[in-house]
PDB file of N, CA and C in Angstrom:
ATOM      1  N   MET A   1      -1.839 -28.896 -10.850  1.00  0.00           N
ATOM      2  CA  MET A   1      -1.265 -27.923 -10.250  1.00  0.00           C
ATOM      3  C   MET A   1       0.135 -27.324 -10.878  1.00  0.00           C
ATOM      4  N   SER A   2       0.673 -26.532 -10.663  1.00  0.00           N
ATOM      5  CA  SER A   2       1.758 -25.645 -10.913  1.00  0.00           C
ATOM      6  C   SER A   2       3.037 -26.255 -10.350  1.00  0.00           C
ATOM      7  N   GLN A   3       4.084 -25.904 -10.773  1.00  0.00           N
ATOM      8  CA  GLN A   3       5.394 -26.025 -10.574  1.00  0.00           C
ATOM      9  C   GLN A   3       6.270 -24.644 -10.586  1.00  0.00           C
ATOM     10  N   VAL A   4       7.340 -24.526  -9.726  1.00  0.00           N
ATOM     11  CA  VAL A   4       7.857 -23.203  -9.964  1.00  0.00           C
ATOM     12  C   VAL A   4       9.723 -24.273  -9.860  1.00  0.00           C
ATOM     13  N   SER A   5      10.595 -23.600 -10.767  1.00  0.00           N
ATOM     14  CA  SER A   5      11.779 -23.852 -10.918  1.00  0.00           C
ATOM     15  C   SER A   5      12.941 -22.689 -10.530  1.00  0.00           C
ATOM     16  N   THR A   6      14.336 -22.319 -10.401  1.00  0.00           N
ATOM     17  CA  THR A   6      15.169 -21.301 -10.275  1.00  0.00           C
ATOM     18  C   THR A   6      16.407 -21.944 -11.075  1.00  0.00           C
ATOM     19  N   HIS A   7      17.370 -20.696 -11.465  1.00  0.00           N
ATOM     20  CA  HIS A   7      18.490 -21.180 -11.550  1.00  0.00           C
ATOM     21  C   HIS A   7      19.431 -19.994 -11.422  1.00  0.00           C
ATOM     22  N   VAL A   8      20.049 -19.750 -10.516  1.00  0.00           N
ATOM     23  CA  VAL A   8      20.707 -18.911 -10.539  1.00  0.00           C
ATOM     24  C   VAL A   8      22.314 -18.945 -10.449  1.00  0.00           C
ATOM     25  N   LEU A   9      22.764 -18.289 -11.088  1.00  0.00           N
ATOM     26  CA  LEU A   9      23.999 -17.668 -11.738  1.00  0.00           C
ATOM     27  C   LEU A   9      24.879 -16.721 -11.045  1.00  0.00           C
ATOM     28  N   ASP A  10      26.403 -17.228 -10.717  1.00  0.00           N
ATOM     29  CA  ASP A  10      26.869 -16.076  -9.929  1.00  0.00           C
ATOM     30  C   ASP A  10      28.195 -15.260 -11.079  1.00  0.00           C
ATOM     31  N   LEU A  11      27.440 -14.239 -10.796  1.00  0.00           N
ATOM     32  CA  LEU A  11      27.966 -13.081 -11.997  1.00  0.00           C
ATOM     33  C   LEU A  11      29.408 -12.666 -11.557  1.00  0.00           C
ATOM     34  N   ALA A  12      29.693 -12.362 -10.268  1.00  0.00           N
ATOM     35  CA  ALA A  12      31.155 -12.069  -9.656  1.00  0.00           C
ATOM     36  C   ALA A  12      32.600 -13.166 -10.311  1.00  0.00           C
ATOM     37  N   ARG A  13      31.547 -14.350 -10.128  1.00  0.00           N
ATOM     38  CA  ARG A  13      32.574 -15.564 -10.578  1.00  0.00           C
ATOM     39  C   ARG A  13      32.524 -16.053 -11.802  1.00  0.00           C
ATOM     40  N   GLY A  14      31.587 -15.771 -12.643  1.00  0.00           N
ATOM     41  CA  GLY A  14      31.346 -16.422 -13.386  1.00  0.00           C
ATOM     42  C   GLY A  14      30.917 -17.509 -13.896  1.00  0.00           C
ATOM     43  N   ARG A  15      29.932 -18.189 -12.960  1.00  0.00           N
ATOM     44  CA  ARG A  15      29.519 -19.464 -12.865  1.00  0.00           C
ATOM     45  C   ARG A  15      28.423 -19.712 -12.343  1.00  0.00           C
ATOM     46  N   PRO A  16      27.716 -21.158 -12.560  1.00  0.00           N
ATOM     47  CA  PRO A  16      26.517 -20.969 -11.683  1.00  0.00           C
ATOM     48  C   PRO A  16      26.810 -21.404 -10.037  1.00  0.00           C
ATOM     49  N   ALA A  17      25.806 -20.624  -9.321  1.00  0.00           N
ATOM     50  CA  ALA A  17      26.056 -20.574  -7.856  1.00  0.00           C
ATOM     51  C   ALA A  17      25.476 -21.934  -7.254  1.00  0.00           C
ATOM     52  N   ALA A  18      26.084 -22.715  -6.507  1.00  0.00           N
ATOM     53  CA  ALA A  18      26.174 -24.182  -6.680  1.00  0.00           C
ATOM     54  C   ALA A  18      26.258 -23.959  -5.044  1.00  0.00           C
ATOM     55  N   ARG A  19      25.354 -24.775  -4.439  1.00  0.00           N
ATOM     56  CA  ARG A  19      25.021 -24.701  -3.134  1.00  0.00           C
ATOM     57  C   ARG A  19      24.340 -23.448  -2.213  1.00  0.00           C
ATOM     58  N   LEU A  20      23.471 -22.950  -3.231  1.00  0.00           N
ATOM     59  CA  LEU A  20      23.038 -21.790  -2.867  1.00  0.00           C
ATOM     60  C   LEU A  20      21.429 -22.106  -1.653  1.00  0.00           C
ATOM     61  N   ARG A  21      21.127 -21.904  -0.860  1.00  0.00           N
ATOM     62  CA  ARG A  21      20.153 -22.525  -0.127  1.00  0.00           C
ATOM     63  C   ARG A  21      18.991 -21.579   0.209  1.00  0.00           C
ATOM     64  N   VAL A  22      17.653 -21.988  -0.840  1.00  0.00           N
ATOM     65  CA  VAL A  22      16.033 -21.544  -1.040  1.00  0.00           C
ATOM     66  C   VAL A  22      15.335 -21.860  -0.449  1.00  0.00           C
ATOM     67  N   ALA A  23      14.852 -21.288  -0.066  1.00  0.00           N
ATOM     68  CA  ALA A  23      13.085 -21.739   0.540  1.00  0.00           C
ATOM     69  C   ALA A  23      12.054 -21.085  -0.450  1.00  0.00           C
ATOM     70  N   LEU A  24      10.940 -21.982  -0.516  1.00  0.00           N
ATOM     71  CA  LEU A  24       9.649 -21.481  -1.126  1.00  0.00           C
ATOM     72  C   LEU A  24       8.900 -21.104  -0.057  1.00  0.00           C
ATOM     73  N   GLU A  25       7.989 -20.160  -0.295  1.00  0.00           N
ATOM     74  CA  GLU A  25       7.129 -19.566   0.818  1.00  0.00           C
ATOM     75  C   GLU A  25       5.715 -19.091  -0.013  1.00  0.00           C
ATOM     76  N   ARG A  26       4.646 -19.807   0.300  1.00  0.00           N
ATOM     77  CA  ARG A  26       3.567 -19.015   0.430  1.00  0.00           C
ATOM     78  C   ARG A  26       3.072 -18.245   1.208  1.00  0.00           C
ATOM     79  N   ARG A  27       2.198 -16.851   0.567  1.00  0.00           N
ATOM     80  CA  ARG A  27       1.815 -15.857   1.053  1.00  0.00           C
ATOM     81  C   ARG A  27       0.672 -16.230   1.799  1.00  0.00           C
ATOM     82  N   ARG A  28       0.424 -15.841   2.864  1.00  0.00           N
ATOM     83  CA  ARG A  28      -1.031 -15.846   3.728  1.00  0.00           C
ATOM     84  C   ARG A  28      -1.576 -14.618   4.516  1.00  0.00           C
ATOM     85  N   GLU A  29      -2.630 -14.668   4.869  1.00  0.00           N
ATOM     86  CA  GLU A  29      -3.206 -13.450   5.518  1.00  0.00           C
ATOM     87  C   GLU A  29      -2.495 -12.459   6.486  1.00  0.00           C
ATOM     88  N   VAL A  30      -1.760 -13.365   7.228  1.00  0.00           N
ATOM     89  CA  VAL A  30      -0.388 -12.729   7.863  1.00  0.00           C
ATOM     90  C   VAL A  30       0.631 -13.574   7.852  1.00  0.00           C
ATOM     91  N   GLY A  31       1.671 -12.825   6.923  1.00  0.00           N
ATOM     92  CA  GLY A  31       3.411 -13.596   7.115  1.00  0.00           C
ATOM     93  C   GLY A  31       3.075 -14.666   5.643  1.00  0.00           C
ATOM     94  N   TRP A  32       4.151 -15.298   6.133  1.00  0.00           N
ATOM     95  CA  TRP A  32       4.631 -16.545   4.698  1.00  0.00           C
ATOM     96  C   TRP A  32       4.691 -17.818   5.637  1.00  0.00           C
ATOM     97  N   GLU A  33       3.811 -18.714   4.963  1.00  0.00           N
ATOM     98  CA  GLU A  33       4.316 -20.238   5.365  1.00  0.00           C
ATOM     99  C   GLU A  33       5.662 -21.228   4.496  1.00  0.00           C
ATOM    100  N   ARG A  34       6.334 -21.393   5.015  1.00  0.00           N
ATOM    101  CA  ARG A  34       7.080 -22.177   4.024  1.00  0.00           C
ATOM    102  C   ARG A  34       6.730 -23.412   3.717  1.00  0.00           C
ATOM    103  N   LEU A  35       6.957 -23.956   2.478  1.00  0.00           N
ATOM    104  CA  LEU A  35       6.522 -25.258   2.085  1.00  0.00           C
ATOM    105  C   LEU A  35       7.770 -25.811   2.099  1.00  0.00           C
ATOM    106  N   ALA A  36       8.593 -25.591   1.198  1.00  0.00           N
ATOM    107  CA  ALA A  36      10.012 -26.394   0.861  1.00  0.00           C
ATOM    108  C   ALA A  36      11.101 -25.801   0.746  1.00  0.00           C
ATOM    109  N   GLU A  37      12.185 -26.130   1.191  1.00  0.00           N
ATOM    110  CA  GLU A  37      13.638 -25.653   1.279  1.00  0.00           C
ATOM    111  C   GLU A  37      14.435 -26.495   0.489  1.00  0.00           C
ATOM    112  N   ALA A  38      15.379 -26.284  -0.409  1.00  0.00           N
ATOM    113  CA  ALA A  38      16.500 -27.299  -1.326  1.00  0.00           C
ATOM    114  C   ALA A  38      17.563 -26.085  -1.155  1.00  0.00           C
ATOM    115  N   THR A  39      18.460 -26.719  -1.902  1.00  0.00           N
ATOM    116  CA  THR A  39      19.936 -26.001  -2.179  1.00  0.00           C
ATOM    117  C   THR A  39      20.310 -26.678  -3.684  1.00  0.00           C
ATOM    118  N   THR A  40      20.917 -25.344  -4.524  1.00  0.00           N
ATOM    119  CA  THR A  40      21.518 -25.485  -5.555  1.00  0.00           C
ATOM    120  C   THR A  40      21.917 -26.632  -6.059  1.00  0.00           C
ATOM    121  N   ASP A  41      21.827 -27.089  -7.362  1.00  0.00           N
ATOM    122  CA  ASP A  41      22.530 -28.329  -7.782  1.00  0.00           C
ATOM    123  C   ASP A  41      23.925 -27.652  -8.153  1.00  0.00           C
ATOM    124  N   PRO A  42      25.257 -28.573  -8.865  1.00  0.00           N
ATOM    125  CA  PRO A  42      26.537 -27.782  -9.015  1.00  0.00           C
ATOM    126  C   PRO A  42      25.871 -26.738 -10.045  1.00  0.00           C
ATOM    127  N   TRP A  43      24.848 -26.968 -10.899  1.00  0.00           N
ATOM    128  CA  TRP A  43      24.691 -26.378 -12.711  1.00  0.00           C
ATOM    129  C   TRP A  43      23.570 -25.090 -11.886  1.00  0.00           C
ATOM    130  N   GLY A  44      23.453 -24.522 -10.584  1.00  0.00           N
ATOM    131  CA  GLY A  44      22.665 -23.770  -9.824  1.00  0.00           C
ATOM    132  C   GLY A  44      21.174 -23.368  -9.978  1.00  0.00           C
ATOM    133  N   ARG A  45      20.985 -24.998 -10.407  1.00  0.00           N
ATOM    134  CA  ARG A  45      19.511 -25.031 -10.641  1.00  0.00           C
ATOM    135  C   ARG A  45      18.808 -25.547  -9.209  1.00  0.00           C
ATOM    136  N   ILE A  46      17.282 -25.447  -9.180  1.00  0.00           N
ATOM    137  CA  ILE A  46      16.449 -26.266  -8.307  1.00  0.00           C
ATOM    138  C   ILE A  46      15.210 -26.917  -8.956  1.00  0.00           C
ATOM    139  N   GLN A  47      15.227 -27.734  -9.545  1.00  0.00           N
ATOM    140  CA  GLN A  47      13.930 -27.737 -10.354  1.00  0.00           C
ATOM    141  C   GLN A  47      13.018 -29.117  -9.807  1.00  0.00           C
ATOM    142  N   GLY A  48      13.135 -29.726  -8.773  1.00  0.00           N
ATOM    143  CA  GLY A  48      12.552 -30.640  -8.115  1.00  0.00           C
ATOM    144  C   GLY A  48      11.585 -30.360  -6.950  1.00  0.00           C
ATOM    145  N   TRP A  49      11.138 -29.165  -6.859  1.00  0.00           N
ATOM    146  CA  TRP A  49      10.122 -29.149  -5.542  1.00  0.00           C
ATOM    147  C   TRP A  49       9.408 -29.944  -5.210  1.00  0.00           C
ATOM    148  N   ARG A  50       9.063 -30.255  -4.308  1.00  0.00           N
ATOM    149  CA  ARG A  50       8.077 -31.729  -4.177  1.00  0.00           C
ATOM    150  C   ARG A  50       6.813 -31.335  -3.306  1.00  0.00           C
ATOM    151  N   VAL A  51       6.693 -29.757  -4.023  1.00  0.00           N
ATOM    152  CA  VAL A  51       5.160 -29.394  -3.679  1.00  0.00           C
ATOM    153  C   VAL A  51       4.730 -28.871  -5.422  1.00  0.00           C
ATOM    154  N   SER A  52       3.257 -28.949  -5.084  1.00  0.00           N
ATOM    155  CA  SER A  52       2.457 -28.360  -6.269  1.00  0.00           C
ATOM    156  C   SER A  52       2.089 -27.351  -5.804  1.00  0.00           C
ATOM    157  N   LEU A  53       1.635 -26.442  -6.872  1.00  0.00           N
ATOM    158  CA  LEU A  53       1.382 -24.856  -6.146  1.00  0.00           C
ATOM    159  C   LEU A  53       0.131 -24.915  -6.869  1.00  0.00           C
ATOM    160  N   SER A  54      -1.142 -23.987  -6.060  1.00  0.00           N
ATOM    161  CA  SER A  54      -1.964 -23.618  -6.203  1.00  0.00           C
ATOM    162  C   SER A  54      -2.510 -22.027  -6.605  1.00  0.00           C
ATOM    163  N   PRO A  55      -3.130 -21.378  -7.388  1.00  0.00           N
ATOM    164  CA  PRO A  55      -3.004 -19.934  -7.843  1.00  0.00           C
ATOM    165  C   PRO A  55      -2.869 -19.422  -6.039  1.00  0.00           C
ATOM    166  N   GLY A  56      -1.744 -18.245  -6.268  1.00  0.00           N
ATOM    167  CA  GLY A  56      -1.400 -17.517  -5.083  1.00  0.00           C
ATOM    168  C   GLY A  56       0.085 -16.766  -5.594  1.00  0.00           C
ATOM    169  N   ILE A  57       0.126 -15.963  -4.362  1.00  0.00           N
ATOM    170  CA  ILE A  57       1.577 -15.365  -4.316  1.00  0.00           C
ATOM    171  C   ILE A  57       2.120 -16.491  -3.821  1.00  0.00           C
ATOM    172  N   TYR A  58       3.495 -15.900  -3.933  1.00  0.00           N
ATOM    173  CA  TYR A  58       4.799 -17.150  -3.240  1.00  0.00           C
ATOM    174  C   TYR A  58       5.559 -16.041  -3.311  1.00  0.00           C
ATOM    175  N   ARG A  59       7.090 -16.584  -3.033  1.00  0.00           N
ATOM    176  CA  ARG A  59       8.657 -16.112  -2.876  1.00  0.00           C
ATOM    177  C   ARG A  59       9.292 -16.906  -2.739  1.00  0.00           C
ATOM    178  N   LEU A  60      10.392 -16.885  -3.485  1.00  0.00           N
ATOM    179  CA  LEU A  60      12.007 -17.872  -2.994  1.00  0.00           C
ATOM    180  C   LEU A  60      12.196 -16.672  -2.811  1.00  0.00           C
ATOM    181  N   LEU A  61      13.296 -17.450  -1.433  1.00  0.00           N
ATOM    182  CA  LEU A  61      13.857 -16.767  -0.518  1.00  0.00           C
ATOM    183  C   LEU A  61      15.339 -17.273  -0.534  1.00  0.00           C
ATOM    184  N   PHE A  62      16.099 -16.582  -1.111  1.00  0.00           N
ATOM    185  CA  PHE A  62      17.614 -16.808  -1.511  1.00  0.00           C
ATOM    186  C   PHE A  62      18.465 -16.795  -0.502  1.00  0.00           C
ATOM    187  N   ALA A  63      19.302 -17.945   0.345  1.00  0.00           N
ATOM    188  CA  ALA A  63      20.110 -17.192   1.537  1.00  0.00           C
ATOM    189  C   ALA A  63      21.625 -16.721   1.056  1.00  0.00           C
ATOM    190  N   THR A  64      21.454 -15.897   0.494  1.00  0.00           N
ATOM    191  CA  THR A  64      22.588 -14.989   0.142  1.00  0.00           C
ATOM    192  C   THR A  64      24.063 -14.412   0.899  1.00  0.00           C
ATOM    193  N   ALA A  65      23.573 -14.310   2.079  1.00  0.00           N
ATOM    194  CA  ALA A  65      24.981 -14.333   3.182  1.00  0.00           C
ATOM    195  C   ALA A  65      25.947 -15.043   3.112  1.00  0.00           C
ATOM    196  N   GLU A  66      25.188 -16.434   3.076  1.00  0.00           N
ATOM    197  CA  GLU A  66      25.644 -17.246   3.380  1.00  0.00           C
ATOM    198  C   GLU A  66      26.650 -17.971   2.508  1.00  0.00           C
ATOM    199  N   TYR A  67      25.823 -17.387   1.211  1.00  0.00           N
ATOM    200  CA  TYR A  67      26.627 -18.332  -0.268  1.00  0.00           C
ATOM    201  C   TYR A  67      27.614 -17.319  -0.211  1.00  0.00           C
ATOM    202  N   TRP A  68      28.043 -16.141  -0.015  1.00  0.00           N
ATOM    203  CA  TRP A  68      28.485 -15.154   0.155  1.00  0.00           C
ATOM    204  C   TRP A  68      29.967 -15.432   1.100  1.00  0.00           C
ATOM    205  N   ALA A  69      29.532 -15.835   2.264  1.00  0.00           N
ATOM    206  CA  ALA A  69      30.473 -15.857   3.605  1.00  0.00           C
ATOM    207  C   ALA A  69      31.307 -17.423   3.043  1.00  0.00           C
ATOM    208  N   ALA A  70      30.675 -18.290   2.643  1.00  0.00           N
ATOM    209  CA  ALA A  70      31.060 -19.416   2.130  1.00  0.00           C
ATOM    210  C   ALA A  70      32.408 -19.549   1.259  1.00  0.00           C
ATOM    211  N   ALA A  71      32.000 -18.449   0.126  1.00  0.00           N
ATOM    212  CA  ALA A  71      33.120 -17.886  -0.912  1.00  0.00           C
ATOM    213  C   ALA A  71      34.066 -16.915  -0.607  1.00  0.00           C
ATOM    214  N   GLY A  72      34.473 -16.713   0.941  1.00  0.00           N
ATOM    215  CA  GLY A  72      34.952 -15.635   1.316  1.00  0.00           C
ATOM    216  C   GLY A  72      34.673 -14.084   1.176  1.00  0.00           C
ATOM    217  N   MET A  73      33.347 -13.930   1.168  1.00  0.00           N
ATOM    218  CA  MET A  73      33.549 -12.569   0.154  1.00  0.00           C
ATOM    219  C   MET A  73      32.102 -12.152   1.325  1.00  0.00           C
ATOM    220  N   GLY A  74      32.066 -10.924   1.455  1.00  0.00           N
ATOM    221  CA  GLY A  74      30.812 -10.137   2.066  1.00  0.00           C
ATOM    222  C   GLY A  74      29.468  -9.862   0.591  1.00  0.00           C
ATOM    223  N   CYS A  75      28.824  -9.344   1.346  1.00  0.00           N
ATOM    224  CA  CYS A  75      27.229  -8.699   0.447  1.00  0.00           C
ATOM    225  C   CYS A  75      26.293  -7.642   0.892  1.00  0.00           C
ATOM    226  N   LEU A  76      25.874  -7.028   0.282  1.00  0.00           N
ATOM    227  CA  LEU A  76      25.495  -6.109   0.326  1.00  0.00           C
ATOM    228  C   LEU A  76      23.372  -6.518   1.072  1.00  0.00           C
ATOM    229  N   HIS A  77      22.969  -7.605   0.124  1.00  0.00           N
ATOM    230  CA  HIS A  77      21.387  -8.092   0.757  1.00  0.00           C
ATOM    231  C   HIS A  77      22.073  -9.642   1.358  1.00  0.00           C
ATOM    232  N   PRO A  78      21.535  -9.524   2.634  1.00  0.00           N
ATOM    233  CA  PRO A  78      21.966 -10.813   2.947  1.00  0.00           C
ATOM    234  C   PRO A  78      20.864 -11.808   2.293  1.00  0.00           C
ATOM    235  N   GLU A  79      19.872 -11.400   2.032  1.00  0.00           N
ATOM    236  CA  GLU A  79      19.080 -12.378   1.235  1.00  0.00           C
ATOM    237  C   GLU A  79      18.157 -11.738   0.495  1.00  0.00           C
ATOM    238  N   VAL A  80      17.708 -12.545  -0.705  1.00  0.00           N
ATOM    239  CA  VAL A  80      17.003 -11.948  -1.868  1.00  0.00           C
ATOM    240  C   VAL A  80      15.675 -12.831  -1.840  1.00  0.00           C
ATOM    241  N   ALA A  81      14.327 -11.973  -1.897  1.00  0.00           N
ATOM    242  CA  ALA A  81      13.451 -12.049  -1.514  1.00  0.00           C
ATOM    243  C   ALA A  81      12.526 -12.073  -3.144  1.00  0.00           C
ATOM    244  N   VAL A  82      12.362 -12.727  -3.490  1.00  0.00           N
ATOM    245  CA  VAL A  82      11.622 -12.633  -5.362  1.00  0.00           C
ATOM    246  C   VAL A  82      10.097 -13.288  -5.290  1.00  0.00           C
ATOM    247  N   ALA A  83       9.023 -12.415  -4.954  1.00  0.00           N
ATOM    248  CA  ALA A  83       7.844 -12.769  -4.339  1.00  0.00           C
ATOM    249  C   ALA A  83       7.296 -12.575  -6.197  1.00  0.00           C
ATOM    250  N   PHE A  84       6.480 -13.366  -6.339  1.00  0.00           N
ATOM    251  CA  PHE A  84       5.705 -13.800  -7.631  1.00  0.00           C
ATOM    252  C   PHE A  84       4.108 -14.550  -7.352  1.00  0.00           C
ATOM    253  N   ARG A  85       3.331 -13.970  -8.448  1.00  0.00           N
ATOM    254  CA  ARG A  85       2.094 -14.652  -8.455  1.00  0.00           C
ATOM    255  C   ARG A  85       2.315 -15.743  -9.828  1.00  0.00           C
ATOM    256  N   MET A  86       1.402 -17.056  -8.945  1.00  0.00           N
ATOM    257  CA  MET A  86       1.027 -18.227  -9.594  1.00  0.00           C
ATOM    258  C   MET A  86       0.164 -18.320  -9.992  1.00  0.00           C
ATOM    259  N   ASP A  87      -0.101 -18.684 -11.328  1.00  0.00           N
ATOM    260  CA  ASP A  87      -1.397 -18.610 -11.956  1.00  0.00           C
ATOM    261  C   ASP A  87      -1.576 -19.202 -12.901  1.00  0.00           C
ATOM    262  N   GLY A  88      -0.292 -19.904 -13.340  1.00  0.00           N
ATOM    263  CA  GLY A  88      -0.052 -21.156 -14.849  1.00  0.00           C
ATOM    264  C   GLY A  88       0.163 -22.144 -14.580  1.00  0.00           C
ATOM    265  N   ASP A  89       0.617 -23.156 -15.472  1.00  0.00           N
ATOM    266  CA  ASP A  89       1.275 -24.409 -15.588  1.00  0.00           C
ATOM    267  C   ASP A  89       2.408 -24.394 -14.934  1.00  0.00           C
ATOM    268  N   HIS A  90       3.485 -23.456 -15.483  1.00  0.00           N
ATOM    269  CA  HIS A  90       4.945 -23.956 -14.514  1.00  0.00           C
ATOM    270  C   HIS A  90       5.316 -22.268 -14.935  1.00  0.00           C
ATOM    271  N   LEU A  91       6.286 -22.115 -13.612  1.00  0.00           N
ATOM    272  CA  LEU A  91       7.336 -20.963 -14.036  1.00  0.00           C
ATOM    273  C   LEU A  91       8.296 -20.907 -13.474  1.00  0.00           C
ATOM    274  N   HIS A  92       9.497 -20.351 -14.318  1.00  0.00           N
ATOM    275  CA  HIS A  92      10.961 -20.281 -13.832  1.00  0.00           C
ATOM    276  C   HIS A  92      11.318 -19.059 -13.624  1.00  0.00           C
ATOM    277  N   LEU A  93      11.891 -19.215 -12.482  1.00  0.00           N
ATOM    278  CA  LEU A  93      12.523 -17.776 -12.236  1.00  0.00           C
ATOM    279  C   LEU A  93      14.304 -17.461 -11.828  1.00  0.00           C
ATOM    280  N   PRO A  94      14.610 -17.185 -13.075  1.00  0.00           N
ATOM    281  CA  PRO A  94      16.463 -17.296 -12.886  1.00  0.00           C
ATOM    282  C   PRO A  94      16.452 -16.419 -11.809  1.00  0.00           C
ATOM    283  N   LEU A  95      17.814 -15.958 -11.242  1.00  0.00           N
ATOM    284  CA  LEU A  95      18.321 -15.198 -10.436  1.00  0.00           C
ATOM    285  C   LEU A  95      19.948 -14.963 -10.995  1.00  0.00           C
ATOM    286  N   LEU A  96      20.191 -13.804 -11.232  1.00  0.00           N
ATOM    287  CA  LEU A  96      21.554 -13.279 -11.964  1.00  0.00           C
ATOM    288  C   LEU A  96      21.783 -12.229 -10.276  1.00  0.00           C
ATOM    289  N   LEU A  97      23.080 -13.335 -10.009  1.00  0.00           N
ATOM    290  CA  LEU A  97      23.419 -12.664  -8.568  1.00  0.00           C
ATOM    291  C   LEU A  97      25.163 -12.188  -8.686  1.00  0.00           C
ATOM    292  N   SER A  98      25.252 -10.895  -7.803  1.00  0.00           N
ATOM    293  CA  SER A  98      26.566 -10.379  -7.646  1.00  0.00           C
ATOM    294  C   SER A  98      26.531  -9.689  -5.866  1.00  0.00           C
ATOM    295  N   PRO A  99      27.402 -10.028  -5.403  1.00  0.00           N
ATOM    296  CA  PRO A  99      27.450  -9.507  -4.046  1.00  0.00           C
ATOM    297  C   PRO A  99      27.017  -7.979  -3.779  1.00  0.00           C
ATOM    298  N   PHE A 100      26.771  -7.199  -4.750  1.00  0.00           N
ATOM    299  CA  PHE A 100      26.155  -6.067  -4.419  1.00  0.00           C
ATOM    300  C   PHE A 100      24.802  -5.529  -5.193  1.00  0.00           C
ATOM    301  N   GLY A 101      24.458  -6.864  -5.792  1.00  0.00           N
ATOM    302  CA  GLY A 101      23.075  -6.606  -6.807  1.00  0.00           C
ATOM    303  C   GLY A 101      22.869  -7.641  -7.257  1.00  0.00           C
ATOM    304  N   TYR A 102      21.132  -7.685  -8.130  1.00  0.00           N
ATOM    305  CA  TYR A 102      20.685  -9.198  -8.147  1.00  0.00           C
ATOM    306  C   TYR A 102      19.745  -8.384  -9.184  1.00  0.00           C
ATOM    307  N   THR A 103      19.150  -9.273 -10.299  1.00  0.00           N
ATOM    308  CA  THR A 103      18.504  -8.775 -11.410  1.00  0.00           C
ATOM    309  C   THR A 103      17.574 -10.829 -11.201  1.00  0.00           C
ATOM    310  N   THR A 104      16.216 -10.538 -11.501  1.00  0.00           N
ATOM    311  CA  THR A 104      15.303 -11.576 -11.955  1.00  0.00           C
ATOM    312  C   THR A 104      14.513 -11.686 -12.854  1.00  0.00           C
ATOM    313  N   TYR A 105      14.000 -12.563 -13.593  1.00  0.00           N
ATOM    314  CA  TYR A 105      13.450 -12.586 -14.723  1.00  0.00           C
ATOM    315  C   TYR A 105      12.380 -13.346 -15.102  1.00  0.00           C
ATOM    316  N   GLN A 106      11.189 -13.564 -15.485  1.00  0.00           N
ATOM    317  CA  GLN A 106      10.531 -14.914 -15.947  1.00  0.00           C
ATOM    318  C   GLN A 106      11.213 -15.377 -17.212  1.00  0.00           C
ATOM    319  N   GLY A 107      12.118 -16.691 -16.821  1.00  0.00           N
ATOM    320  CA  GLY A 107      12.563 -17.494 -17.835  1.00  0.00           C
ATOM    321  C   GLY A 107      11.783 -18.506 -18.357  1.00  0.00           C
ATOM    322  N   SER A 108      12.441 -19.414 -19.167  1.00  0.00           N
ATOM    323  CA  SER A 108      11.963 -20.307 -20.118  1.00  0.00           C
ATOM    324  C   SER A 108      12.523 -21.596 -19.066  1.00  0.00           C
ATOM    325  N   ARG A 109      11.556 -22.767 -19.109  1.00  0.00           N
ATOM    326  CA  ARG A 109      12.457 -24.216 -18.436  1.00  0.00           C
ATOM    327  C   ARG A 109      13.533 -24.105 -19.261  1.00  0.00           C
TER     328      ARG A 109
END
């Protein structure tokens, strides 16, 4: 079975995005099924999802409005959904985040 990890960097403040809530979901025929939820550690990472993933379409759903509100800031994107295809052994999906934009890419562990 496969695993996914993520790392979130707060570009506005120049540091890891600690305490950001992230959900892991699998696409079903109708809608999405929540598999797990975790909060980023002090280094902005989530590595220990306690689920194994079979091949399919998944997404990471980042609760960005909560994160920026806790920092006393507003944001353009109240949540960020990153959909991806899982068909390998491990996938690392970093997120670079600011109040008014974001980008993601396939990273290495």
